[in-house]
């Protein structure tokens, strides 16, 4: 089976159903029938994860997107083996000459120098402290983090510098780092969001195959809250006709677990995600596919995606307005409408050990 082949069976534990060549590639790879297709169709498909170290020159990224609530972020990995079919980071893999499909969730690039680079950037004389968001692109607690501990290293650095951070994740692996996040949070230096898209284990397994189960994410919220970490729930993405009916149940469960704030994002389908999602939908939920895509188009002015800054996160039209109205009512009902977690930038300092290290690089 070629790299671009549409799988006869879903790859075990993977979200994407295909692996089409990236949009920047000069050549395309296509499957062909060699006579064994029918026999191979009954075999389980296994695709191994390959993690490659990526040598970066910097670790703090900057963005000027007006609809994103942070302008600095750290992503410790490129690609994500959680395999969420709707992930907005998928198209970036095309810049690496890889597919936003299966490659995105099986060809992972780690940043082993993240902690060292971060220490250098925080210690620079021109650095001005502002909140840094960890995981704005790909999940900082995807499965390989358990052994690689790159995100853990980043947290050790920000703790030493009193650098405020926020984190978003779909993994309960975050509770491993409560020993860092708890003390930071008590000093108003850390907050977290846990994304919960569904409480349905079957849907979660199909749509987010290697992310933590919904119950484990609720446990992460509970453990973080118990440790004093301000924690919110992200109901993202809202997919009309597929998971939107769960909004109130998810928000209520998160509030009971200890979440104090909430956010949502309506499904976005830019670039390759559009075809990947439709392909997954036809395979995983064929009875709902036409209805879901019709509702999605109704939130995007009749199109499958609209990148306009003013509405790309929430959508427009009656369906989007109903989602917004329900969300506002639910967060008020469950006490999730409080102030967003304020972090204190005034405590930032460069420790003496970092100044010595910086002198060595000068």
Foldseek 3Di string as FASTA:
>chain_A
DDQFDQALDAAPLAAFRGWWWAPPDPDTDDDDCPPCVVVCSPDHHYAAADEAEDEDQAFWAADDQPQDPDGIEGEQKQAALLRQLQAPSLNVVNVVRTGSGVCSNRHMYGHLCNLVRVLLQLPDPPDDADEYEYQPHHANPGPVCVPSVSVVSNLVNCLVQLHAYEYEHQALCVLVNLVRQLVSLVQQRYAYEHEDQAQDQLVCCNRRVRGDHNVSSLLSLLSCQVSNHAYAYENPEQQPQPRLVCLLVSRQSSLVSRHQAYYYFHRAQPDPSLVRVLVSCCVSPVVRSVVRQVVCCQQAVNDNHDPPSVRRGQGDHDVSVVSVVVNVVSCVVSNRPDDDRGGDRVSGDNDPVSVVVNVVVD
